[in-house]
Amino acid sequence: MGEVGKHGPGADEMRSYTADFVARLTARNRLPLDYSARSLRMVDFLVDGLRKGGADLEQARDTLFGLGAYVGEVLVRRAGAVWVDFDEHERTYFRQPVGVRMPDGRMWNPLGRVVNRFETGGPEASLQTFYLTLHGRARRASA
């Protein structure tokens, strides 16, 4: 996986960074980015479009970071995750500055998952499938 956003926002800035990114992206395009699990299919589509359009990793770096932030924010809003700054070891391992911690303590790397989708494509790298099969999500209380 390539490294994206080496010096991007910290964990405490990711929510506002993501909101600004989504506002810029949807200002020109009517994209259904509503922070739902279903919207991750659109993220798959957008990442595939960058790759198929011939962008290289460096050209797509900022957009991939923003899309990774969006995936992370879906995990925060829908799965009970919290943004965390990776320590030195985690930064080396994940090759990203921030990630999310699930309610059960598992750490995930949504920024890297988006880069992986860009680099490899294919259904096995789907961000929607990643969410739907994600371990450690908060269980919803029954009504």
N, C-alpha and C. Protein backbone atom coordinates (compact mmCIF):
# COMPACT_ATOMS: atom_id res chain seq x y z
N MET A 1 0.82 -1.18 0.00
CA MET A 1 0.00 0.00 0.00
C MET A 1 0.86 1.24 0.00
N GLY A 2 0.52 2.19 -0.82
CA GLY A 2 1.26 3.44 -0.84
C GLY A 2 0.88 4.32 0.32
N GLU A 3 1.74 5.26 0.62
CA GLU A 3 1.48 6.18 1.73
C GLU A 3 0.77 7.40 1.18
N VAL A 4 -0.26 7.81 1.86
CA VAL A 4 -1.05 8.97 1.46
C VAL A 4 -1.19 9.89 2.65
N GLY A 5 -1.12 11.18 2.41
CA GLY A 5 -1.40 12.15 3.45
C GLY A 5 -0.46 12.09 4.64
N LYS A 6 0.84 12.00 4.40
CA LYS A 6 1.81 11.87 5.49
C LYS A 6 1.63 12.94 6.55
N HIS A 7 1.34 14.14 6.14
CA HIS A 7 1.28 15.26 7.08
C HIS A 7 -0.13 15.84 7.13
N GLY A 8 -1.12 14.98 7.05
CA GLY A 8 -2.51 15.42 7.06
C GLY A 8 -2.98 15.78 8.45
N PRO A 9 -4.28 16.00 8.57
CA PRO A 9 -4.85 16.37 9.86
C PRO A 9 -4.71 15.26 10.89
N GLY A 10 -4.71 15.64 12.15
CA GLY A 10 -4.68 14.67 13.23
C GLY A 10 -6.07 14.15 13.52
N ALA A 11 -6.15 13.18 14.43
CA ALA A 11 -7.43 12.54 14.76
C ALA A 11 -8.49 13.55 15.19
N ASP A 12 -8.09 14.55 15.97
CA ASP A 12 -9.06 15.54 16.45
C ASP A 12 -9.57 16.47 15.35
N GLU A 13 -8.94 16.45 14.19
CA GLU A 13 -9.35 17.31 13.06
C GLU A 13 -10.06 16.54 11.95
N MET A 14 -10.14 15.22 12.07
CA MET A 14 -10.65 14.41 10.96
C MET A 14 -12.14 14.65 10.68
N ARG A 15 -12.95 14.85 11.69
CA ARG A 15 -14.38 15.07 11.45
C ARG A 15 -14.60 16.35 10.63
N SER A 16 -13.95 17.44 11.00
CA SER A 16 -14.14 18.69 10.25
C SER A 16 -13.46 18.61 8.88
N TYR A 17 -12.30 17.96 8.80
CA TYR A 17 -11.64 17.77 7.51
C TYR A 17 -12.56 17.02 6.55
N THR A 18 -13.18 15.94 7.05
CA THR A 18 -14.06 15.13 6.21
C THR A 18 -15.27 15.93 5.76
N ALA A 19 -15.88 16.69 6.66
CA ALA A 19 -17.04 17.50 6.31
C ALA A 19 -16.68 18.51 5.22
N ASP A 20 -15.52 19.15 5.33
CA ASP A 20 -15.06 20.10 4.30
C ASP A 20 -14.83 19.40 2.97
N PHE A 21 -14.19 18.21 3.01
CA PHE A 21 -13.93 17.45 1.79
C PHE A 21 -15.24 17.07 1.10
N VAL A 22 -16.20 16.56 1.86
CA VAL A 22 -17.48 16.16 1.28
C VAL A 22 -18.21 17.38 0.71
N ALA A 23 -18.17 18.51 1.39
CA ALA A 23 -18.81 19.73 0.89
C ALA A 23 -18.19 20.16 -0.45
N ARG A 24 -16.86 20.12 -0.55
CA ARG A 24 -16.19 20.48 -1.81
C ARG A 24 -16.54 19.50 -2.91
N LEU A 25 -16.53 18.21 -2.60
CA LEU A 25 -16.78 17.18 -3.61
C LEU A 25 -18.22 17.21 -4.10
N THR A 26 -19.16 17.47 -3.21
CA THR A 26 -20.57 17.44 -3.60
C THR A 26 -21.07 18.79 -4.10
N ALA A 27 -20.28 19.85 -3.96
CA ALA A 27 -20.70 21.17 -4.45
C ALA A 27 -20.87 21.16 -5.96
N ARG A 28 -20.02 20.42 -6.66
CA ARG A 28 -20.07 20.38 -8.12
C ARG A 28 -20.80 19.15 -8.65
N ASN A 29 -20.97 18.16 -7.82
CA ASN A 29 -21.55 16.89 -8.25
C ASN A 29 -22.63 16.46 -7.27
N ARG A 30 -23.67 15.90 -7.80
CA ARG A 30 -24.73 15.38 -6.93
C ARG A 30 -24.39 13.94 -6.56
N LEU A 31 -23.58 13.80 -5.53
CA LEU A 31 -23.14 12.48 -5.09
C LEU A 31 -23.83 12.13 -3.77
N PRO A 32 -24.31 10.91 -3.65
CA PRO A 32 -25.00 10.50 -2.42
C PRO A 32 -24.03 10.12 -1.30
N LEU A 33 -23.31 11.10 -0.80
CA LEU A 33 -22.37 10.86 0.30
C LEU A 33 -23.03 11.31 1.60
N ASP A 34 -23.81 10.40 2.17
CA ASP A 34 -24.61 10.70 3.36
C ASP A 34 -24.13 9.96 4.60
N TYR A 35 -22.91 9.45 4.55
CA TYR A 35 -22.29 8.74 5.68
C TYR A 35 -22.99 7.42 6.02
N SER A 36 -23.70 6.86 5.06
CA SER A 36 -24.33 5.56 5.26
C SER A 36 -23.40 4.46 4.74
N ALA A 37 -23.65 3.24 5.20
CA ALA A 37 -22.88 2.10 4.67
C ALA A 37 -23.12 1.98 3.17
N ARG A 38 -24.32 2.26 2.72
CA ARG A 38 -24.66 2.19 1.30
C ARG A 38 -23.81 3.17 0.47
N SER A 39 -23.47 4.33 1.06
CA SER A 39 -22.70 5.33 0.32
C SER A 39 -21.28 4.87 0.01
N LEU A 40 -20.82 3.84 0.70
CA LEU A 40 -19.46 3.35 0.43
C LEU A 40 -19.36 2.73 -0.96
N ARG A 41 -20.49 2.32 -1.52
CA ARG A 41 -20.48 1.85 -2.91
C ARG A 41 -20.06 2.99 -3.85
N MET A 42 -20.51 4.20 -3.54
CA MET A 42 -20.12 5.38 -4.33
C MET A 42 -18.62 5.63 -4.19
N VAL A 43 -18.07 5.43 -3.00
CA VAL A 43 -16.63 5.60 -2.80
C VAL A 43 -15.87 4.59 -3.66
N ASP A 44 -16.33 3.34 -3.69
CA ASP A 44 -15.72 2.34 -4.58
C ASP A 44 -15.73 2.85 -6.02
N PHE A 45 -16.86 3.36 -6.46
CA PHE A 45 -17.02 3.87 -7.81
C PHE A 45 -16.07 5.04 -8.09
N LEU A 46 -15.96 5.97 -7.14
CA LEU A 46 -15.08 7.13 -7.32
C LEU A 46 -13.61 6.72 -7.40
N VAL A 47 -13.19 5.81 -6.53
CA VAL A 47 -11.80 5.34 -6.54
C VAL A 47 -11.51 4.61 -7.85
N ASP A 48 -12.43 3.76 -8.27
CA ASP A 48 -12.24 3.06 -9.54
C ASP A 48 -12.14 4.03 -10.71
N GLY A 49 -12.93 5.10 -10.67
CA GLY A 49 -12.88 6.11 -11.72
C GLY A 49 -11.54 6.81 -11.78
N LEU A 50 -10.95 7.11 -10.63
CA LEU A 50 -9.61 7.71 -10.61
C LEU A 50 -8.59 6.80 -11.27
N ARG A 51 -8.66 5.52 -10.90
CA ARG A 51 -7.70 4.55 -11.42
C ARG A 51 -7.88 4.38 -12.93
N LYS A 52 -9.12 4.19 -13.35
CA LYS A 52 -9.40 3.98 -14.77
C LYS A 52 -9.13 5.23 -15.59
N GLY A 53 -9.22 6.40 -14.93
CA GLY A 53 -8.94 7.66 -15.62
C GLY A 53 -7.46 7.92 -15.84
N GLY A 54 -6.62 7.03 -15.33
CA GLY A 54 -5.19 7.13 -15.57
C GLY A 54 -4.41 7.90 -14.53
N ALA A 55 -5.04 8.30 -13.43
CA ALA A 55 -4.31 9.03 -12.38
C ALA A 55 -3.32 8.08 -11.71
N ASP A 56 -2.15 8.60 -11.37
CA ASP A 56 -1.23 7.79 -10.57
C ASP A 56 -1.44 8.15 -9.10
N LEU A 57 -0.77 7.42 -8.24
CA LEU A 57 -0.98 7.60 -6.80
C LEU A 57 -0.69 9.02 -6.36
N GLU A 58 0.36 9.61 -6.86
CA GLU A 58 0.71 10.98 -6.47
C GLU A 58 -0.37 11.97 -6.92
N GLN A 59 -0.87 11.82 -8.14
CA GLN A 59 -1.92 12.71 -8.64
C GLN A 59 -3.21 12.57 -7.85
N ALA A 60 -3.50 11.38 -7.37
CA ALA A 60 -4.75 11.10 -6.68
C ALA A 60 -4.63 11.23 -5.16
N ARG A 61 -3.44 11.53 -4.66
CA ARG A 61 -3.14 11.49 -3.23
C ARG A 61 -4.17 12.24 -2.37
N ASP A 62 -4.44 13.49 -2.67
CA ASP A 62 -5.34 14.29 -1.85
C ASP A 62 -6.78 13.76 -1.89
N THR A 63 -7.23 13.37 -3.08
CA THR A 63 -8.58 12.83 -3.21
C THR A 63 -8.70 11.51 -2.47
N LEU A 64 -7.69 10.65 -2.57
CA LEU A 64 -7.71 9.38 -1.85
C LEU A 64 -7.72 9.60 -0.35
N PHE A 65 -6.95 10.57 0.12
CA PHE A 65 -6.95 10.88 1.55
C PHE A 65 -8.36 11.31 1.98
N GLY A 66 -8.98 12.18 1.21
CA GLY A 66 -10.33 12.64 1.53
C GLY A 66 -11.34 11.50 1.52
N LEU A 67 -11.25 10.63 0.54
CA LEU A 67 -12.16 9.48 0.48
C LEU A 67 -11.89 8.52 1.63
N GLY A 68 -10.64 8.35 2.01
CA GLY A 68 -10.31 7.52 3.17
C GLY A 68 -10.85 8.12 4.45
N ALA A 69 -10.78 9.45 4.55
CA ALA A 69 -11.35 10.14 5.71
C ALA A 69 -12.86 9.92 5.75
N TYR A 70 -13.49 9.95 4.59
CA TYR A 70 -14.93 9.71 4.52
C TYR A 70 -15.26 8.29 5.00
N VAL A 71 -14.51 7.30 4.53
CA VAL A 71 -14.74 5.91 4.97
C VAL A 71 -14.56 5.83 6.49
N GLY A 72 -13.54 6.46 7.02
CA GLY A 72 -13.32 6.46 8.45
C GLY A 72 -14.47 7.11 9.20
N GLU A 73 -14.97 8.20 8.66
CA GLU A 73 -16.08 8.90 9.31
C GLU A 73 -17.36 8.07 9.28
N VAL A 74 -17.56 7.27 8.23
CA VAL A 74 -18.69 6.33 8.22
C VAL A 74 -18.53 5.34 9.37
N LEU A 75 -17.31 4.86 9.59
CA LEU A 75 -17.06 3.94 10.71
C LEU A 75 -17.34 4.62 12.05
N VAL A 76 -16.98 5.89 12.16
CA VAL A 76 -17.22 6.64 13.40
C VAL A 76 -18.73 6.79 13.62
N ARG A 77 -19.44 7.20 12.60
CA ARG A 77 -20.87 7.50 12.75
C ARG A 77 -21.75 6.26 12.81
N ARG A 78 -21.37 5.22 12.12
CA ARG A 78 -22.25 4.06 12.00
C ARG A 78 -21.81 2.83 12.77
N ALA A 79 -20.52 2.76 13.11
CA ALA A 79 -20.02 1.53 13.73
C ALA A 79 -19.42 1.76 15.13
N GLY A 80 -19.51 2.99 15.63
CA GLY A 80 -19.02 3.26 16.97
C GLY A 80 -17.53 3.46 17.10
N ALA A 81 -16.83 3.67 15.99
CA ALA A 81 -15.39 3.88 16.02
C ALA A 81 -15.05 5.29 16.51
N VAL A 82 -13.79 5.50 16.86
CA VAL A 82 -13.27 6.83 17.17
C VAL A 82 -11.98 7.03 16.39
N TRP A 83 -11.75 8.26 15.95
CA TRP A 83 -10.50 8.57 15.28
C TRP A 83 -9.36 8.53 16.29
N VAL A 84 -8.21 8.01 15.88
CA VAL A 84 -7.02 7.98 16.74
C VAL A 84 -5.79 8.36 15.91
N ASP A 85 -4.85 9.02 16.59
CA ASP A 85 -3.55 9.27 15.97
C ASP A 85 -2.73 7.99 16.18
N PHE A 86 -2.16 7.50 15.11
CA PHE A 86 -1.31 6.31 15.23
C PHE A 86 0.00 6.68 15.91
N ASP A 87 0.51 5.78 16.74
CA ASP A 87 1.83 5.98 17.33
C ASP A 87 2.88 5.63 16.27
N GLU A 88 4.13 5.78 16.60
CA GLU A 88 5.21 5.57 15.62
C GLU A 88 5.16 4.17 15.00
N HIS A 89 4.97 3.15 15.83
CA HIS A 89 4.90 1.77 15.33
C HIS A 89 3.70 1.59 14.39
N GLU A 90 2.54 2.12 14.77
CA GLU A 90 1.34 1.99 13.94
C GLU A 90 1.48 2.76 12.63
N ARG A 91 2.12 3.94 12.71
CA ARG A 91 2.35 4.70 11.47
C ARG A 91 3.22 3.92 10.50
N THR A 92 4.22 3.25 11.02
CA THR A 92 5.10 2.44 10.17
C THR A 92 4.32 1.27 9.59
N TYR A 93 3.55 0.61 10.42
CA TYR A 93 2.79 -0.56 9.98
C TYR A 93 1.70 -0.18 8.97
N PHE A 94 0.88 0.81 9.31
CA PHE A 94 -0.26 1.19 8.47
C PHE A 94 0.10 2.16 7.35
N ARG A 95 1.26 2.84 7.50
CA ARG A 95 1.71 3.85 6.54
C ARG A 95 0.71 4.99 6.40
N GLN A 96 0.07 5.34 7.51
CA GLN A 96 -0.88 6.44 7.57
C GLN A 96 -0.74 7.10 8.94
N PRO A 97 -1.11 8.38 9.05
CA PRO A 97 -0.98 9.08 10.34
C PRO A 97 -2.11 8.82 11.32
N VAL A 98 -3.30 8.51 10.81
CA VAL A 98 -4.48 8.33 11.66
C VAL A 98 -5.25 7.10 11.22
N GLY A 99 -6.10 6.63 12.12
CA GLY A 99 -6.99 5.52 11.82
C GLY A 99 -8.14 5.56 12.78
N VAL A 100 -8.83 4.45 12.90
CA VAL A 100 -9.96 4.38 13.82
C VAL A 100 -9.80 3.19 14.76
N ARG A 101 -10.33 3.37 15.97
CA ARG A 101 -10.38 2.28 16.94
C ARG A 101 -11.85 1.92 17.13
N MET A 102 -12.14 0.63 17.00
CA MET A 102 -13.50 0.13 17.15
C MET A 102 -13.84 -0.03 18.62
N PRO A 103 -15.13 -0.18 18.94
CA PRO A 103 -15.53 -0.35 20.35
C PRO A 103 -14.84 -1.52 21.04
N ASP A 104 -14.46 -2.57 20.30
CA ASP A 104 -13.79 -3.71 20.92
C ASP A 104 -12.27 -3.53 21.00
N GLY A 105 -11.76 -2.35 20.59
CA GLY A 105 -10.34 -2.05 20.67
C GLY A 105 -9.55 -2.31 19.40
N ARG A 106 -10.15 -2.96 18.42
CA ARG A 106 -9.43 -3.22 17.15
C ARG A 106 -9.15 -1.90 16.43
N MET A 107 -7.99 -1.85 15.80
CA MET A 107 -7.60 -0.67 15.02
C MET A 107 -7.79 -0.99 13.53
N TRP A 108 -8.33 -0.02 12.79
CA TRP A 108 -8.51 -0.16 11.35
C TRP A 108 -7.92 1.06 10.66
N ASN A 109 -7.59 0.87 9.40
CA ASN A 109 -6.89 1.85 8.60
C ASN A 109 -7.72 2.21 7.36
N PRO A 110 -8.76 3.02 7.49
CA PRO A 110 -9.59 3.33 6.33
C PRO A 110 -8.84 4.09 5.24
N LEU A 111 -7.87 4.92 5.62
CA LEU A 111 -7.10 5.65 4.60
C LEU A 111 -6.33 4.68 3.73
N GLY A 112 -5.70 3.70 4.35
CA GLY A 112 -4.96 2.68 3.62
C GLY A 112 -5.86 1.77 2.80
N ARG A 113 -7.07 1.52 3.30
CA ARG A 113 -8.02 0.68 2.56
C ARG A 113 -8.40 1.34 1.23
N VAL A 114 -8.55 2.66 1.24
CA VAL A 114 -8.87 3.39 0.00
C VAL A 114 -7.69 3.32 -0.97
N VAL A 115 -6.48 3.47 -0.45
CA VAL A 115 -5.29 3.36 -1.31
C VAL A 115 -5.23 1.95 -1.90
N ASN A 116 -5.50 0.94 -1.09
CA ASN A 116 -5.49 -0.43 -1.58
C ASN A 116 -6.52 -0.61 -2.69
N ARG A 117 -7.70 -0.05 -2.53
CA ARG A 117 -8.73 -0.13 -3.59
C ARG A 117 -8.19 0.52 -4.86
N PHE A 118 -7.53 1.66 -4.72
CA PHE A 118 -6.98 2.36 -5.89
C PHE A 118 -5.90 1.52 -6.57
N GLU A 119 -5.02 0.93 -5.78
CA GLU A 119 -3.89 0.20 -6.35
C GLU A 119 -4.29 -1.17 -6.92
N THR A 120 -5.27 -1.83 -6.32
CA THR A 120 -5.59 -3.18 -6.75
C THR A 120 -6.92 -3.31 -7.45
N GLY A 121 -7.90 -2.46 -7.07
CA GLY A 121 -9.22 -2.58 -7.66
C GLY A 121 -9.84 -3.93 -7.34
N GLY A 122 -10.89 -4.25 -8.00
CA GLY A 122 -11.51 -5.55 -7.84
C GLY A 122 -12.41 -5.65 -6.64
N PRO A 123 -13.32 -6.61 -6.68
CA PRO A 123 -14.31 -6.76 -5.61
C PRO A 123 -13.72 -7.09 -4.25
N GLU A 124 -12.57 -7.74 -4.22
CA GLU A 124 -11.96 -8.09 -2.93
C GLU A 124 -11.47 -6.86 -2.17
N ALA A 125 -11.35 -5.73 -2.83
CA ALA A 125 -10.90 -4.50 -2.18
C ALA A 125 -12.06 -3.51 -1.98
N SER A 126 -13.30 -3.98 -2.13
CA SER A 126 -14.47 -3.12 -1.99
C SER A 126 -14.55 -2.51 -0.60
N LEU A 127 -14.77 -1.21 -0.55
CA LEU A 127 -14.91 -0.50 0.72
C LEU A 127 -16.27 -0.78 1.35
N GLN A 128 -17.30 -0.97 0.55
CA GLN A 128 -18.60 -1.33 1.09
C GLN A 128 -18.53 -2.72 1.74
N THR A 129 -17.90 -3.68 1.06
CA THR A 129 -17.74 -5.02 1.64
C THR A 129 -16.90 -4.96 2.90
N PHE A 130 -15.84 -4.15 2.91
CA PHE A 130 -15.02 -3.96 4.10
C PHE A 130 -15.91 -3.58 5.28
N TYR A 131 -16.78 -2.61 5.09
CA TYR A 131 -17.66 -2.18 6.18
C TYR A 131 -18.61 -3.30 6.60
N LEU A 132 -19.21 -3.95 5.64
CA LEU A 132 -20.22 -4.96 5.95
C LEU A 132 -19.65 -6.18 6.65
N THR A 133 -18.36 -6.44 6.46
CA THR A 133 -17.72 -7.60 7.10
C THR A 133 -16.80 -7.21 8.25
N LEU A 134 -16.85 -5.95 8.64
CA LEU A 134 -15.96 -5.39 9.65
C LEU A 134 -16.21 -5.99 11.03
N HIS A 135 -15.16 -6.43 11.65
CA HIS A 135 -15.23 -6.93 13.02
C HIS A 135 -15.10 -5.77 14.00
N GLY A 136 -15.76 -5.88 15.13
CA GLY A 136 -15.59 -4.91 16.20
C GLY A 136 -16.58 -3.78 16.20
N ARG A 137 -17.61 -3.85 15.32
CA ARG A 137 -18.61 -2.78 15.30
C ARG A 137 -19.44 -2.80 16.57
N ALA A 138 -19.95 -1.63 16.93
CA ALA A 138 -20.87 -1.54 18.07
C ALA A 138 -22.17 -2.22 17.69
N ARG A 139 -22.70 -2.95 18.63
CA ARG A 139 -24.01 -3.57 18.39
C ARG A 139 -25.09 -2.54 18.69
N ARG A 140 -26.08 -2.51 17.83
CA ARG A 140 -27.20 -1.58 18.06
C ARG A 140 -28.15 -2.18 19.09
N ALA A 141 -28.65 -1.33 19.93
CA ALA A 141 -29.61 -1.78 20.95
C ALA A 141 -30.93 -2.15 20.26
N SER A 142 -31.57 -3.22 20.71
CA SER A 142 -32.85 -3.61 20.12
C SER A 142 -33.95 -2.68 20.61
N ALA A 143 -34.88 -2.46 19.71
CA ALA A 143 -35.98 -1.55 20.06
C ALA A 143 -37.07 -2.26 20.82
